[in-house]
């Protein structure tokens, strides 16, 4: 995958994460103290955050390799 393709994937994941966070703020369960710990939407957001971080690390790695060429 090229850097542009990876960045496009990151952008898509960030957009999806934003949509989930918007939904998350409106859920009635969010009024509970431990809501985030048991919320499936929050778990999806965390998984997306991990994917974004992994992709960003890969982009940085590829950019570093390009700089060495």
N, C-alpha and C. Protein backbone atom coordinates (compact mmCIF):
# COMPACT_ATOMS: atom_id res chain seq x y z
N UNK A 1 0.84 -1.19 0.00
CA UNK A 1 0.00 0.00 0.00
C UNK A 1 0.88 1.24 0.00
N UNK A 2 0.47 2.21 -0.77
CA UNK A 2 1.23 3.47 -0.82
C UNK A 2 0.85 4.36 0.37
N UNK A 3 1.65 5.36 0.57
CA UNK A 3 1.38 6.31 1.67
C UNK A 3 0.04 6.99 1.45
N UNK A 4 -0.26 7.35 0.21
CA UNK A 4 -1.54 8.01 -0.08
C UNK A 4 -2.72 7.09 0.25
N UNK A 5 -2.59 5.82 -0.09
CA UNK A 5 -3.66 4.86 0.21
C UNK A 5 -3.83 4.68 1.72
N UNK A 6 -2.71 4.62 2.42
CA UNK A 6 -2.77 4.49 3.87
C UNK A 6 -3.41 5.72 4.50
N UNK A 7 -3.05 6.90 4.01
CA UNK A 7 -3.62 8.14 4.55
C UNK A 7 -5.12 8.21 4.26
N UNK A 8 -5.52 7.73 3.10
CA UNK A 8 -6.93 7.70 2.75
C UNK A 8 -7.69 6.77 3.71
N UNK A 9 -7.09 5.63 4.02
CA UNK A 9 -7.69 4.69 4.97
C UNK A 9 -7.80 5.32 6.35
N UNK A 10 -6.77 6.04 6.79
CA UNK A 10 -6.79 6.73 8.08
C UNK A 10 -7.94 7.75 8.09
N UNK A 11 -8.07 8.51 7.02
CA UNK A 11 -9.13 9.51 6.94
C UNK A 11 -10.51 8.87 7.05
N UNK A 12 -10.71 7.73 6.38
CA UNK A 12 -11.99 7.02 6.43
C UNK A 12 -12.27 6.55 7.86
N UNK A 13 -11.25 6.00 8.51
CA UNK A 13 -11.44 5.52 9.88
C UNK A 13 -11.74 6.67 10.82
N UNK A 14 -11.07 7.80 10.65
CA UNK A 14 -11.33 8.96 11.50
C UNK A 14 -12.75 9.48 11.31
N UNK A 15 -13.22 9.46 10.07
CA UNK A 15 -14.59 9.90 9.79
C UNK A 15 -15.59 8.96 10.45
N UNK A 16 -15.34 7.67 10.34
CA UNK A 16 -16.21 6.68 10.97
C UNK A 16 -16.21 6.85 12.48
N UNK A 17 -15.02 7.12 13.04
CA UNK A 17 -14.90 7.34 14.47
C UNK A 17 -15.70 8.57 14.91
N UNK A 18 -15.62 9.65 14.14
CA UNK A 18 -16.38 10.86 14.46
C UNK A 18 -17.87 10.58 14.48
N UNK A 19 -18.35 9.81 13.49
CA UNK A 19 -19.77 9.48 13.43
C UNK A 19 -20.19 8.68 14.66
N UNK A 20 -19.36 7.72 15.05
CA UNK A 20 -19.67 6.92 16.23
C UNK A 20 -19.66 7.78 17.49
N UNK A 21 -18.72 8.70 17.58
CA UNK A 21 -18.65 9.58 18.76
C UNK A 21 -19.87 10.48 18.84
N UNK A 22 -20.37 10.93 17.69
CA UNK A 22 -21.58 11.74 17.69
C UNK A 22 -22.76 10.94 18.22
N UNK A 23 -22.86 9.67 17.82
CA UNK A 23 -23.92 8.79 18.30
C UNK A 23 -23.73 8.53 19.78
N UNK A 24 -22.49 8.31 20.14
CA UNK A 24 -22.17 7.97 21.53
C UNK A 24 -22.65 9.06 22.49
N UNK A 25 -22.52 10.29 22.12
CA UNK A 25 -22.92 11.40 22.98
C UNK A 25 -24.42 11.46 23.21
N UNK A 26 -25.19 10.83 22.36
CA UNK A 26 -26.65 10.92 22.46
C UNK A 26 -27.29 9.69 23.08
N UNK A 27 -26.51 8.66 23.38
CA UNK A 27 -27.09 7.44 23.93
C UNK A 27 -27.53 7.66 25.38
N UNK A 28 -28.68 7.13 25.74
CA UNK A 28 -29.16 7.29 27.12
C UNK A 28 -28.23 6.64 28.15
N UNK A 29 -27.54 5.56 27.73
CA UNK A 29 -26.62 4.87 28.64
C UNK A 29 -25.46 5.76 29.06
N UNK A 30 -25.17 6.78 28.25
CA UNK A 30 -24.02 7.64 28.52
C UNK A 30 -24.19 8.47 29.79
N UNK A 31 -25.37 8.48 30.35
CA UNK A 31 -25.61 9.21 31.59
C UNK A 31 -25.13 8.42 32.81
N UNK A 32 -24.87 7.13 32.64
CA UNK A 32 -24.39 6.30 33.75
C UNK A 32 -22.91 6.56 33.97
N UNK A 33 -22.47 6.37 35.21
CA UNK A 33 -21.07 6.62 35.56
C UNK A 33 -20.09 5.73 34.80
N UNK A 34 -20.42 4.45 34.65
CA UNK A 34 -19.52 3.51 34.01
C UNK A 34 -19.94 3.20 32.57
N UNK A 35 -20.64 4.12 31.94
CA UNK A 35 -21.21 3.88 30.62
C UNK A 35 -20.16 3.50 29.59
N UNK A 36 -19.04 4.20 29.55
CA UNK A 36 -18.02 3.93 28.53
C UNK A 36 -17.43 2.54 28.68
N UNK A 37 -17.33 2.05 29.90
CA UNK A 37 -16.73 0.75 30.15
C UNK A 37 -17.57 -0.38 29.57
N UNK A 38 -18.88 -0.18 29.49
CA UNK A 38 -19.76 -1.25 29.02
C UNK A 38 -20.37 -0.96 27.65
N UNK A 39 -20.04 0.16 27.07
CA UNK A 39 -20.66 0.60 25.81
C UNK A 39 -20.01 -0.07 24.61
N UNK A 40 -20.81 -0.72 23.78
CA UNK A 40 -20.30 -1.37 22.56
C UNK A 40 -19.81 -0.33 21.55
N UNK A 41 -20.48 0.80 21.48
CA UNK A 41 -20.05 1.86 20.56
C UNK A 41 -18.67 2.36 20.97
N UNK A 42 -18.45 2.51 22.25
CA UNK A 42 -17.15 2.96 22.73
C UNK A 42 -16.07 1.94 22.40
N UNK A 43 -16.40 0.66 22.49
CA UNK A 43 -15.44 -0.39 22.14
C UNK A 43 -15.07 -0.30 20.66
N UNK A 44 -16.05 0.00 19.81
CA UNK A 44 -15.78 0.16 18.37
C UNK A 44 -14.87 1.37 18.14
N UNK A 45 -15.12 2.44 18.87
CA UNK A 45 -14.29 3.64 18.75
C UNK A 45 -12.85 3.32 19.15
N UNK A 46 -12.68 2.60 20.24
CA UNK A 46 -11.33 2.23 20.69
C UNK A 46 -10.62 1.36 19.66
N UNK A 47 -11.35 0.43 19.05
CA UNK A 47 -10.76 -0.43 18.03
C UNK A 47 -10.33 0.40 16.82
N UNK A 48 -11.14 1.38 16.44
CA UNK A 48 -10.79 2.25 15.32
C UNK A 48 -9.56 3.09 15.66
N UNK A 49 -9.49 3.56 16.91
CA UNK A 49 -8.32 4.34 17.33
C UNK A 49 -7.04 3.51 17.20
N UNK A 50 -7.13 2.23 17.56
CA UNK A 50 -5.97 1.35 17.45
C UNK A 50 -5.56 1.16 15.99
N UNK A 51 -6.55 0.99 15.11
CA UNK A 51 -6.26 0.83 13.68
C UNK A 51 -5.62 2.09 13.12
N UNK A 52 -6.15 3.25 13.51
CA UNK A 52 -5.61 4.52 13.04
C UNK A 52 -4.16 4.66 13.49
N UNK A 53 -3.90 4.34 14.74
CA UNK A 53 -2.54 4.45 15.27
C UNK A 53 -1.59 3.52 14.51
N UNK A 54 -2.02 2.30 14.24
CA UNK A 54 -1.18 1.35 13.51
C UNK A 54 -0.89 1.86 12.10
N UNK A 55 -1.91 2.40 11.44
CA UNK A 55 -1.72 2.92 10.08
C UNK A 55 -0.81 4.14 10.08
N UNK A 56 -0.98 5.00 11.07
CA UNK A 56 -0.12 6.19 11.16
C UNK A 56 1.34 5.79 11.41
N UNK A 57 1.54 4.77 12.22
CA UNK A 57 2.91 4.27 12.44
C UNK A 57 3.50 3.72 11.15
N UNK A 58 2.67 3.02 10.39
CA UNK A 58 3.14 2.46 9.11
C UNK A 58 3.48 3.59 8.13
N UNK A 59 2.67 4.64 8.12
CA UNK A 59 2.93 5.80 7.25
C UNK A 59 4.26 6.43 7.64
N UNK A 60 4.47 6.63 8.94
CA UNK A 60 5.73 7.21 9.41
C UNK A 60 6.92 6.35 9.00
N UNK A 61 6.75 5.05 9.13
CA UNK A 61 7.81 4.12 8.76
C UNK A 61 8.12 4.23 7.27
N UNK A 62 7.09 4.26 6.44
CA UNK A 62 7.28 4.37 5.00
C UNK A 62 7.91 5.71 4.62
N UNK A 63 7.50 6.76 5.30
CA UNK A 63 8.07 8.08 5.01
C UNK A 63 9.55 8.10 5.39
N UNK A 64 9.88 7.44 6.48
CA UNK A 64 11.28 7.35 6.89
C UNK A 64 12.10 6.58 5.89
N UNK A 65 11.52 5.52 5.34
CA UNK A 65 12.23 4.72 4.33
C UNK A 65 12.42 5.54 3.06
N UNK A 66 11.44 6.33 2.69
CA UNK A 66 11.56 7.17 1.49
C UNK A 66 12.65 8.21 1.67
N UNK A 67 12.77 8.73 2.89
CA UNK A 67 13.79 9.75 3.17
C UNK A 67 15.20 9.19 3.09
N UNK A 68 15.33 7.88 3.32
CA UNK A 68 16.63 7.24 3.27
C UNK A 68 17.08 6.98 1.84
N UNK A 69 16.15 6.91 0.93
CA UNK A 69 16.49 6.61 -0.48
C UNK A 69 17.26 7.73 -1.14
